[in-house]
Amino acid sequence: MGGGTTAWVLRGGAAFGAAQVGMARALLEAGHFPDMLYGTSAGALNAAALAADPSLRGVTALEDLWRAVRRQDVFPVQPLQLAAGLVGAADHLVSSTRLRRWLARTTPVPRLQDAAVPLTVVTTDIQSGEEILLSSGPTVPALLASAAMPGIFPPVSLGGRLLMDGSIVSDTPIGPAVRAGAEVVFVLPCVPEGRSAPPRTALDAVLRSTAVTLARHHERTVATWAGRCRLHVLPAPAVPGSSAFSFTRTAELVEAAHRLTTEWLATGPPVVAPPPPLPQGSARH
């Protein structure tokens, strides 16, 4: 389907990232294909898989990965490691060894530049605070860095920098996509908006509070870039019992996102309008 150079921007969200599988399937079924992909954190893992094979076959392979993964594959909770992080003997609570192994087994392209569709992985230089965009080089370290949630996973040393979760500075990288030539941008979130249930664990509380901060930043980013491209922000499904650190609701997230996106597309995806200009002398907060 035509309409200009199209970018898909995939936001982070840990286990909620399964929802992006259903979104991608619905978009492809409706004839919306990406010319470039940008991903942050869990969205980077999905973007890498889709960039390798941006087809329904590729979506099916990605869904198979999500249905097979278990918490111990990516979030192995080990008491000694947790204790080391809590007393200051380590800069993280969860070892990234299993996540690195899982990525090495499942990542479809060894180098970012080998993808069939241009792929950009968003990371953060934790020392300078800079947004670091990776579009070449080894895929696994780039994805590991983009998914390195602060305090949860350790930073990744890459190219002389210490890199961490891209969501810290750019959870919704619309700007880089537009500067690269995107005229149409689909933003694929995965964390549902609105009131949520009380957090059940300390890690859940950390991620919930982070999600609130990212949601506010996302709103500002959308307002900044609306009007500079044809911007579409997909709705994220709310699935009861789902959690950022649990993979027990993967199937429900995929199916709910596919259904919701299909319905959203059937009404004609709305273009996000830029905010109205403020009266002279006013300030937007």
C-alpha atoms as a PDB file:
ATOM      1  CA  MET A   1       0.000   0.000   0.000  1.00  0.00           C
ATOM      2  CA  GLY A   2       1.525   3.323  -1.024  1.00  0.00           C
ATOM      3  CA  GLY A   3       1.590   6.634   0.768  1.00  0.00           C
ATOM      4  CA  GLY A   4       5.267   7.467   1.265  1.00  0.00           C
ATOM      5  CA  THR A   5       8.302   6.066   3.017  1.00  0.00           C
ATOM      6  CA  THR A   6       6.990   4.238   6.066  1.00  0.00           C
ATOM      7  CA  ALA A   7       8.670   3.631   9.402  1.00  0.00           C
ATOM      8  CA  TRP A   8       7.487   1.405  12.200  1.00  0.00           C
ATOM      9  CA  VAL A   9       8.560   2.583  15.666  1.00  0.00           C
ATOM     10  CA  LEU A  10       8.374  -0.156  18.300  1.00  0.00           C
ATOM     11  CA  ARG A  11       8.395   0.971  21.927  1.00  0.00           C
ATOM     12  CA  GLY A  12       9.653  -0.987  24.934  1.00  0.00           C
ATOM     13  CA  GLY A  13       7.622  -2.894  27.509  1.00  0.00           C
ATOM     14  CA  ALA A  14       9.369  -6.152  28.520  1.00  0.00           C
ATOM     15  CA  ALA A  15       6.888  -9.068  28.389  1.00  0.00           C
ATOM     16  CA  PHE A  16       4.156  -6.736  27.104  1.00  0.00           C
ATOM     17  CA  GLY A  17       6.181  -6.700  23.871  1.00  0.00           C
ATOM     18  CA  ALA A  18       4.238  -9.774  22.746  1.00  0.00           C
ATOM     19  CA  ALA A  19       1.414  -7.401  21.802  1.00  0.00           C
ATOM     20  CA  GLN A  20       3.539  -5.994  18.969  1.00  0.00           C
ATOM     21  CA  VAL A  21       3.384  -9.382  17.248  1.00  0.00           C
ATOM     22  CA  GLY A  22      -0.389  -9.087  16.894  1.00  0.00           C
ATOM     23  CA  MET A  23      -0.076  -5.461  15.775  1.00  0.00           C
ATOM     24  CA  ALA A  24       2.489  -6.341  13.117  1.00  0.00           C
ATOM     25  CA  ARG A  25       0.321  -9.147  11.757  1.00  0.00           C
ATOM     26  CA  ALA A  26      -2.705  -6.853  11.456  1.00  0.00           C
ATOM     27  CA  LEU A  27      -0.669  -4.103   9.760  1.00  0.00           C
ATOM     28  CA  LEU A  28       0.784  -6.509   7.193  1.00  0.00           C
ATOM     29  CA  GLU A  29      -2.614  -8.089   6.530  1.00  0.00           C
ATOM     30  CA  ALA A  30      -3.960  -4.599   5.782  1.00  0.00           C
ATOM     31  CA  GLY A  31      -1.131  -3.881   3.339  1.00  0.00           C
ATOM     32  CA  HIS A  32       1.013  -1.616   5.536  1.00  0.00           C
ATOM     33  CA  PHE A  33       4.671  -2.596   5.088  1.00  0.00           C
ATOM     34  CA  PRO A  34       7.703  -0.983   6.782  1.00  0.00           C
ATOM     35  CA  ASP A  35      10.477   0.637   4.769  1.00  0.00           C
ATOM     36  CA  MET A  36      12.487   1.081   7.967  1.00  0.00           C
ATOM     37  CA  LEU A  37      12.207  -0.167  11.544  1.00  0.00           C
ATOM     38  CA  TYR A  38      13.185   1.514  14.811  1.00  0.00           C
ATOM     39  CA  GLY A  39      13.091  -0.367  18.096  1.00  0.00           C
ATOM     40  CA  THR A  40      13.731   0.302  21.762  1.00  0.00           C
ATOM     41  CA  SER A  41      14.195  -2.354  24.460  1.00  0.00           C
ATOM     42  CA  ALA A  42      11.692  -5.198  23.853  1.00  0.00           C
ATOM     43  CA  GLY A  43      10.610  -3.295  20.742  1.00  0.00           C
ATOM     44  CA  ALA A  44      14.177  -3.579  19.437  1.00  0.00           C
ATOM     45  CA  LEU A  45      14.031  -7.383  19.718  1.00  0.00           C
ATOM     46  CA  ASN A  46      10.786  -7.417  17.749  1.00  0.00           C
ATOM     47  CA  ALA A  47      12.080  -4.890  15.219  1.00  0.00           C
ATOM     48  CA  ALA A  48      15.165  -7.020  14.549  1.00  0.00           C
ATOM     49  CA  ALA A  49      13.054 -10.098  13.816  1.00  0.00           C
ATOM     50  CA  LEU A  50      10.660  -8.177  11.574  1.00  0.00           C
ATOM     51  CA  ALA A  51      13.507  -6.425   9.750  1.00  0.00           C
ATOM     52  CA  ALA A  52      14.973  -9.823   8.890  1.00  0.00           C
ATOM     53  CA  ASP A  53      11.673 -11.014   7.378  1.00  0.00           C
ATOM     54  CA  PRO A  54       8.977  -8.310   7.131  1.00  0.00           C
ATOM     55  CA  SER A  55       6.267 -10.723   6.028  1.00  0.00           C
ATOM     56  CA  LEU A  56       3.495 -12.781   7.585  1.00  0.00           C
ATOM     57  CA  ARG A  57       5.910 -15.712   7.623  1.00  0.00           C
ATOM     58  CA  GLY A  58       8.326 -13.593   9.657  1.00  0.00           C
ATOM     59  CA  VAL A  59       5.561 -12.586  12.062  1.00  0.00           C
ATOM     60  CA  THR A  60       4.649 -16.248  12.567  1.00  0.00           C
ATOM     61  CA  ALA A  61       8.269 -17.089  13.390  1.00  0.00           C
ATOM     62  CA  LEU A  62       8.397 -14.198  15.851  1.00  0.00           C
ATOM     63  CA  GLU A  63       5.149 -15.328  17.473  1.00  0.00           C
ATOM     64  CA  ASP A  64       6.580 -18.821  17.893  1.00  0.00           C
ATOM     65  CA  LEU A  65       9.541 -17.313  19.782  1.00  0.00           C
ATOM     66  CA  TRP A  66       7.281 -15.341  22.088  1.00  0.00           C
ATOM     67  CA  ARG A  67       5.086 -18.364  22.806  1.00  0.00           C
ATOM     68  CA  ALA A  68       8.141 -20.474  23.668  1.00  0.00           C
ATOM     69  CA  VAL A  69      10.049 -18.025  25.893  1.00  0.00           C
ATOM     70  CA  ARG A  70       9.799 -18.326  29.667  1.00  0.00           C
ATOM     71  CA  ARG A  71      10.775 -15.910  32.429  1.00  0.00           C
ATOM     72  CA  GLN A  72      13.844 -17.945  33.340  1.00  0.00           C
ATOM     73  CA  ASP A  73      15.114 -17.514  29.765  1.00  0.00           C
ATOM     74  CA  VAL A  74      15.422 -13.746  30.201  1.00  0.00           C
ATOM     75  CA  PHE A  75      14.741 -12.793  33.864  1.00  0.00           C
ATOM     76  CA  PRO A  76      16.426 -15.519  35.937  1.00  0.00           C
ATOM     77  CA  VAL A  77      16.016 -14.517  39.577  1.00  0.00           C
ATOM     78  CA  GLN A  78      19.045 -15.676  41.560  1.00  0.00           C
ATOM     79  CA  PRO A  79      19.164 -14.843  45.302  1.00  0.00           C
ATOM     80  CA  LEU A  80      22.923 -14.216  45.425  1.00  0.00           C
ATOM     81  CA  GLN A  81      22.798 -11.857  42.447  1.00  0.00           C
ATOM     82  CA  LEU A  82      19.809 -10.022  43.928  1.00  0.00           C
ATOM     83  CA  ALA A  83      21.618  -9.653  47.241  1.00  0.00           C
ATOM     84  CA  ALA A  84      24.762  -8.348  45.527  1.00  0.00           C
ATOM     85  CA  GLY A  85      22.760  -5.712  43.696  1.00  0.00           C
ATOM     86  CA  LEU A  86      20.825  -4.658  46.787  1.00  0.00           C
ATOM     87  CA  VAL A  87      23.926  -4.192  48.983  1.00  0.00           C
ATOM     88  CA  GLY A  88      25.861  -2.323  46.299  1.00  0.00           C
ATOM     89  CA  ALA A  89      28.267  -5.099  45.330  1.00  0.00           C
ATOM     90  CA  ALA A  90      26.897  -5.127  41.765  1.00  0.00           C
ATOM     91  CA  ASP A  91      25.233  -2.601  39.440  1.00  0.00           C
ATOM     92  CA  HIS A  92      22.364  -4.921  38.540  1.00  0.00           C
ATOM     93  CA  LEU A  93      19.884  -7.377  40.052  1.00  0.00           C
ATOM     94  CA  VAL A  94      19.599  -9.904  37.222  1.00  0.00           C
ATOM     95  CA  SER A  95      22.415 -11.468  35.203  1.00  0.00           C
ATOM     96  CA  SER A  96      22.130 -10.940  31.443  1.00  0.00           C
ATOM     97  CA  THR A  97      23.893 -14.231  30.651  1.00  0.00           C
ATOM     98  CA  ARG A  98      20.718 -16.165  29.847  1.00  0.00           C
ATOM     99  CA  LEU A  99      19.247 -13.311  27.837  1.00  0.00           C
ATOM    100  CA  ARG A 100      22.471 -13.111  25.800  1.00  0.00           C
ATOM    101  CA  ARG A 101      22.341 -16.861  25.144  1.00  0.00           C
ATOM    102  CA  TRP A 102      18.674 -16.675  24.169  1.00  0.00           C
ATOM    103  CA  LEU A 103      19.384 -13.814  21.765  1.00  0.00           C
ATOM    104  CA  ALA A 104      22.329 -15.705  20.273  1.00  0.00           C
ATOM    105  CA  ARG A 105      20.029 -18.666  19.559  1.00  0.00           C
ATOM    106  CA  THR A 106      17.078 -16.711  18.211  1.00  0.00           C
ATOM    107  CA  THR A 107      18.371 -13.535  16.531  1.00  0.00           C
ATOM    108  CA  PRO A 108      17.898 -14.048  12.769  1.00  0.00           C
ATOM    109  CA  VAL A 109      20.721 -11.808  11.472  1.00  0.00           C
ATOM    110  CA  PRO A 110      24.256 -11.636  12.877  1.00  0.00           C
ATOM    111  CA  ARG A 111      24.757  -7.962  11.932  1.00  0.00           C
ATOM    112  CA  LEU A 112      22.250  -5.126  11.965  1.00  0.00           C
ATOM    113  CA  GLN A 113      23.122  -4.148   8.391  1.00  0.00           C
ATOM    114  CA  ASP A 114      22.241  -7.664   7.185  1.00  0.00           C
ATOM    115  CA  ALA A 115      18.507  -7.103   7.735  1.00  0.00           C
ATOM    116  CA  ALA A 116      16.197  -7.060   4.717  1.00  0.00           C
ATOM    117  CA  VAL A 117      14.743  -3.713   5.873  1.00  0.00           C
ATOM    118  CA  PRO A 118      16.893  -0.925   7.386  1.00  0.00           C
ATOM    119  CA  LEU A 119      16.953  -1.453  11.148  1.00  0.00           C
ATOM    120  CA  THR A 120      17.919   0.967  13.913  1.00  0.00           C
ATOM    121  CA  VAL A 121      18.287  -0.101  17.532  1.00  0.00           C
ATOM    122  CA  VAL A 122      18.022   2.652  20.145  1.00  0.00           C
ATOM    123  CA  THR A 123      20.316   2.624  23.182  1.00  0.00           C
ATOM    124  CA  THR A 124      21.508   5.093  25.817  1.00  0.00           C
ATOM    125  CA  ASP A 125      25.098   5.992  26.712  1.00  0.00           C
ATOM    126  CA  ILE A 126      24.648   5.756  30.462  1.00  0.00           C
ATOM    127  CA  GLN A 127      27.677   7.954  31.169  1.00  0.00           C
ATOM    128  CA  SER A 128      26.928  10.862  28.818  1.00  0.00           C
ATOM    129  CA  GLY A 129      23.151  10.462  28.648  1.00  0.00           C
ATOM    130  CA  GLU A 130      23.258  10.499  24.842  1.00  0.00           C
ATOM    131  CA  GLU A 131      20.840   8.681  22.564  1.00  0.00           C
ATOM    132  CA  ILE A 132      22.909   6.171  20.585  1.00  0.00           C
ATOM    133  CA  LEU A 133      21.382   4.823  17.362  1.00  0.00           C
ATOM    134  CA  LEU A 134      22.852   1.544  16.127  1.00  0.00           C
ATOM    135  CA  SER A 135      22.264   0.504  12.521  1.00  0.00           C
ATOM    136  CA  SER A 136      25.413  -1.521  11.874  1.00  0.00           C
ATOM    137  CA  GLY A 137      27.584  -3.918  13.805  1.00  0.00           C
ATOM    138  CA  PRO A 138      26.803  -7.143  15.705  1.00  0.00           C
ATOM    139  CA  THR A 139      23.111  -7.589  16.451  1.00  0.00           C
ATOM    140  CA  VAL A 140      23.169  -9.448  19.767  1.00  0.00           C
ATOM    141  CA  PRO A 141      25.184  -6.862  21.776  1.00  0.00           C
ATOM    142  CA  ALA A 142      23.044  -4.061  20.335  1.00  0.00           C
ATOM    143  CA  LEU A 143      19.812  -5.788  21.379  1.00  0.00           C
ATOM    144  CA  LEU A 144      21.248  -6.698  24.783  1.00  0.00           C
ATOM    145  CA  ALA A 145      22.167  -3.049  25.358  1.00  0.00           C
ATOM    146  CA  SER A 146      18.788  -1.727  24.231  1.00  0.00           C
ATOM    147  CA  ALA A 147      17.037  -4.136  26.621  1.00  0.00           C
ATOM    148  CA  ALA A 148      19.339  -3.452  29.604  1.00  0.00           C
ATOM    149  CA  MET A 149      16.791  -1.939  31.994  1.00  0.00           C
ATOM    150  CA  PRO A 150      18.509   0.288  34.582  1.00  0.00           C
ATOM    151  CA  GLY A 151      19.263  -1.536  37.789  1.00  0.00           C
ATOM    152  CA  ILE A 152      17.827  -4.779  36.453  1.00  0.00           C
ATOM    153  CA  PHE A 153      20.454  -5.736  33.849  1.00  0.00           C
ATOM    154  CA  PRO A 154      24.091  -4.619  33.629  1.00  0.00           C
ATOM    155  CA  PRO A 155      25.190  -2.093  30.995  1.00  0.00           C
ATOM    156  CA  VAL A 156      26.820  -3.392  27.810  1.00  0.00           C
ATOM    157  CA  SER A 157      30.267  -2.219  26.702  1.00  0.00           C
ATOM    158  CA  LEU A 158      30.130  -1.553  22.966  1.00  0.00           C
ATOM    159  CA  GLY A 159      32.309   0.677  20.807  1.00  0.00           C
ATOM    160  CA  GLY A 160      33.993   2.249  23.816  1.00  0.00           C
ATOM    161  CA  ARG A 161      30.663   3.206  25.414  1.00  0.00           C
ATOM    162  CA  LEU A 162      28.592   1.791  28.275  1.00  0.00           C
ATOM    163  CA  LEU A 163      25.142   1.327  26.766  1.00  0.00           C
ATOM    164  CA  MET A 164      21.799   0.657  28.410  1.00  0.00           C
ATOM    165  CA  ASP A 165      18.069   0.647  27.706  1.00  0.00           C
ATOM    166  CA  GLY A 166      17.157   3.027  24.885  1.00  0.00           C
ATOM    167  CA  SER A 167      13.927   3.878  26.699  1.00  0.00           C
ATOM    168  CA  ILE A 168      15.908   6.031  29.129  1.00  0.00           C
ATOM    169  CA  VAL A 169      16.210   8.783  26.524  1.00  0.00           C
ATOM    170  CA  SER A 170      14.111   7.703  23.537  1.00  0.00           C
ATOM    171  CA  ASP A 171      11.324   5.210  24.119  1.00  0.00           C
ATOM    172  CA  THR A 172       9.449   6.532  21.058  1.00  0.00           C
ATOM    173  CA  PRO A 173      12.126   7.367  18.440  1.00  0.00           C
ATOM    174  CA  ILE A 174       9.882   9.162  15.951  1.00  0.00           C
ATOM    175  CA  GLY A 175      12.404  11.938  15.437  1.00  0.00           C
ATOM    176  CA  PRO A 176      15.231   9.727  14.136  1.00  0.00           C
ATOM    177  CA  ALA A 177      12.796   8.031  11.749  1.00  0.00           C
ATOM    178  CA  VAL A 178      11.541  11.338  10.322  1.00  0.00           C
ATOM    179  CA  ARG A 179      15.069  12.714  10.003  1.00  0.00           C
ATOM    180  CA  ALA A 180      15.954   9.542   8.073  1.00  0.00           C
ATOM    181  CA  GLY A 181      13.185  10.273   5.551  1.00  0.00           C
ATOM    182  CA  ALA A 182      10.056   8.657   6.977  1.00  0.00           C
ATOM    183  CA  GLU A 183       6.883  10.334   5.742  1.00  0.00           C
ATOM    184  CA  VAL A 184       4.490   7.883   7.420  1.00  0.00           C
ATOM    185  CA  VAL A 185       5.160   6.609  10.956  1.00  0.00           C
ATOM    186  CA  PHE A 186       3.298   3.860  12.796  1.00  0.00           C
ATOM    187  CA  VAL A 187       4.069   3.783  16.517  1.00  0.00           C
ATOM    188  CA  LEU A 188       3.576   0.352  18.084  1.00  0.00           C
ATOM    189  CA  PRO A 189       3.270   0.635  21.869  1.00  0.00           C
ATOM    190  CA  CYS A 190       2.699  -2.411  24.032  1.00  0.00           C
ATOM    191  CA  VAL A 191       2.061  -1.162  27.574  1.00  0.00           C
ATOM    192  CA  PRO A 192      -1.649  -0.351  27.944  1.00  0.00           C
ATOM    193  CA  GLU A 193      -2.624   3.151  28.977  1.00  0.00           C
ATOM    194  CA  GLY A 194      -4.955   4.036  31.819  1.00  0.00           C
ATOM    195  CA  ARG A 195      -5.312   2.894  35.401  1.00  0.00           C
ATOM    196  CA  SER A 196      -3.630  -0.400  36.247  1.00  0.00           C
ATOM    197  CA  ALA A 197      -3.805  -2.851  39.132  1.00  0.00           C
ATOM    198  CA  PRO A 198      -1.481  -2.272  42.121  1.00  0.00           C
ATOM    199  CA  PRO A 199       2.022  -3.707  41.592  1.00  0.00           C
ATOM    200  CA  ARG A 200       2.553  -7.128  43.140  1.00  0.00           C
ATOM    201  CA  THR A 201       6.358  -7.185  43.440  1.00  0.00           C
ATOM    202  CA  ALA A 202       9.232  -4.747  43.871  1.00  0.00           C
ATOM    203  CA  LEU A 203      10.312  -5.262  40.249  1.00  0.00           C
ATOM    204  CA  ASP A 204       6.741  -4.676  39.131  1.00  0.00           C
ATOM    205  CA  ALA A 205       6.657  -1.414  41.098  1.00  0.00           C
ATOM    206  CA  VAL A 206       9.908  -0.262  39.476  1.00  0.00           C
ATOM    207  CA  LEU A 207       8.609  -0.972  35.988  1.00  0.00           C
ATOM    208  CA  ARG A 208       5.193   0.593  36.661  1.00  0.00           C
ATOM    209  CA  SER A 209       6.771   3.833  37.864  1.00  0.00           C
ATOM    210  CA  THR A 210       9.083   3.840  34.868  1.00  0.00           C
ATOM    211  CA  ALA A 211       6.123   3.245  32.561  1.00  0.00           C
ATOM    212  CA  VAL A 212       4.377   6.345  33.954  1.00  0.00           C
ATOM    213  CA  THR A 213       7.450   8.477  33.231  1.00  0.00           C
ATOM    214  CA  LEU A 214       7.808   7.029  29.735  1.00  0.00           C
ATOM    215  CA  ALA A 215       4.126   7.618  28.997  1.00  0.00           C
ATOM    216  CA  ARG A 216       4.545  11.330  29.728  1.00  0.00           C
ATOM    217  CA  HIS A 217       7.664  11.506  27.575  1.00  0.00           C
ATOM    218  CA  HIS A 218       5.836   9.638  24.812  1.00  0.00           C
ATOM    219  CA  GLU A 219       3.040  12.219  24.850  1.00  0.00           C
ATOM    220  CA  ARG A 220       5.550  15.057  24.458  1.00  0.00           C
ATOM    221  CA  THR A 221       7.350  13.250  21.648  1.00  0.00           C
ATOM    222  CA  VAL A 222       4.118  12.610  19.749  1.00  0.00           C
ATOM    223  CA  ALA A 223       3.096  16.260  20.154  1.00  0.00           C
ATOM    224  CA  THR A 224       6.493  17.404  18.877  1.00  0.00           C
ATOM    225  CA  TRP A 225       6.467  15.289  15.707  1.00  0.00           C
ATOM    226  CA  ALA A 226       2.769  15.320  14.845  1.00  0.00           C
ATOM    227  CA  GLY A 227       2.387  17.468  11.769  1.00  0.00           C
ATOM    228  CA  ARG A 228       5.916  16.679  10.523  1.00  0.00           C
ATOM    229  CA  CYS A 229       4.822  13.277   9.219  1.00  0.00           C
ATOM    230  CA  ARG A 230       1.642  11.243   8.890  1.00  0.00           C
ATOM    231  CA  LEU A 231       1.760   9.863  12.390  1.00  0.00           C
ATOM    232  CA  HIS A 232      -0.362   6.937  13.576  1.00  0.00           C
ATOM    233  CA  VAL A 233      -0.210   5.656  17.163  1.00  0.00           C
ATOM    234  CA  LEU A 234      -1.714   2.197  17.549  1.00  0.00           C
ATOM    235  CA  PRO A 235      -3.764   1.307  20.646  1.00  0.00           C
ATOM    236  CA  ALA A 236      -2.254  -1.198  23.085  1.00  0.00           C
ATOM    237  CA  PRO A 237      -4.514  -3.920  24.504  1.00  0.00           C
ATOM    238  CA  ALA A 238      -5.191  -4.363  28.195  1.00  0.00           C
ATOM    239  CA  VAL A 239      -5.109  -8.056  29.152  1.00  0.00           C
ATOM    240  CA  PRO A 240      -6.125  -8.928  32.743  1.00  0.00           C
ATOM    241  CA  GLY A 241      -3.374 -10.683  34.660  1.00  0.00           C
ATOM    242  CA  SER A 242      -0.587  -9.637  32.307  1.00  0.00           C
ATOM    243  CA  SER A 243       2.701  -8.360  33.727  1.00  0.00           C
ATOM    244  CA  ALA A 244       5.929  -6.970  32.361  1.00  0.00           C
ATOM    245  CA  PHE A 245       7.872  -9.789  34.050  1.00  0.00           C
ATOM    246  CA  SER A 246       5.573 -12.706  33.224  1.00  0.00           C
ATOM    247  CA  PHE A 247       5.144 -14.539  29.928  1.00  0.00           C
ATOM    248  CA  THR A 248       2.031 -16.464  30.935  1.00  0.00           C
ATOM    249  CA  ARG A 249      -0.296 -14.152  28.964  1.00  0.00           C
ATOM    250  CA  THR A 250       1.651 -14.093  25.691  1.00  0.00           C
ATOM    251  CA  ALA A 251      -1.065 -15.755  23.602  1.00  0.00           C
ATOM    252  CA  GLU A 252      -3.753 -13.444  24.987  1.00  0.00           C
ATOM    253  CA  LEU A 253      -1.614 -10.345  24.314  1.00  0.00           C
ATOM    254  CA  VAL A 254      -0.922 -11.384  20.706  1.00  0.00           C
ATOM    255  CA  GLU A 255      -4.555 -12.189  19.987  1.00  0.00           C
ATOM    256  CA  ALA A 256      -5.948  -9.084  21.725  1.00  0.00           C
ATOM    257  CA  ALA A 257      -3.509  -6.806  19.911  1.00  0.00           C
ATOM    258  CA  HIS A 258      -4.333  -8.369  16.538  1.00  0.00           C
ATOM    259  CA  ARG A 259      -8.053  -7.960  17.123  1.00  0.00           C
ATOM    260  CA  LEU A 260      -7.746  -4.389  18.409  1.00  0.00           C
ATOM    261  CA  THR A 261      -5.435  -3.296  15.578  1.00  0.00           C
ATOM    262  CA  THR A 262      -7.643  -4.914  12.926  1.00  0.00           C
ATOM    263  CA  GLU A 263     -10.654  -3.013  14.274  1.00  0.00           C
ATOM    264  CA  TRP A 264      -8.629   0.212  14.483  1.00  0.00           C
ATOM    265  CA  LEU A 265      -7.475  -0.137  10.874  1.00  0.00           C
ATOM    266  CA  ALA A 266     -11.004  -0.887   9.674  1.00  0.00           C
ATOM    267  CA  THR A 267     -12.108   2.572  10.763  1.00  0.00           C
ATOM    268  CA  GLY A 268      -9.162   4.182   8.961  1.00  0.00           C
ATOM    269  CA  PRO A 269      -6.055   4.742  11.122  1.00  0.00           C
ATOM    270  CA  PRO A 270      -6.349   8.262  12.550  1.00  0.00           C
ATOM    271  CA  VAL A 271      -3.520  10.691  11.916  1.00  0.00           C
ATOM    272  CA  VAL A 272      -2.284  12.318  15.116  1.00  0.00           C
ATOM    273  CA  ALA A 273      -2.843  16.046  14.734  1.00  0.00           C
ATOM    274  CA  PRO A 274      -0.340  18.574  16.076  1.00  0.00           C
ATOM    275  CA  PRO A 275      -1.445  20.446  19.184  1.00  0.00           C
ATOM    276  CA  PRO A 276      -3.094  23.833  18.588  1.00  0.00           C
ATOM    277  CA  PRO A 277      -0.861  26.884  18.978  1.00  0.00           C
ATOM    278  CA  LEU A 278      -0.898  28.466  22.409  1.00  0.00           C
ATOM    279  CA  PRO A 279      -2.173  31.981  22.893  1.00  0.00           C
ATOM    280  CA  GLN A 280       0.653  34.491  22.861  1.00  0.00           C
ATOM    281  CA  GLY A 281       2.290  34.752  26.254  1.00  0.00           C
ATOM    282  CA  SER A 282       1.154  31.290  27.368  1.00  0.00           C
ATOM    283  CA  ALA A 283       3.392  28.329  28.117  1.00  0.00           C
ATOM    284  CA  ARG A 284       2.624  24.641  27.694  1.00  0.00           C
ATOM    285  CA  HIS A 285       3.473  22.472  30.684  1.00  0.00           C
END
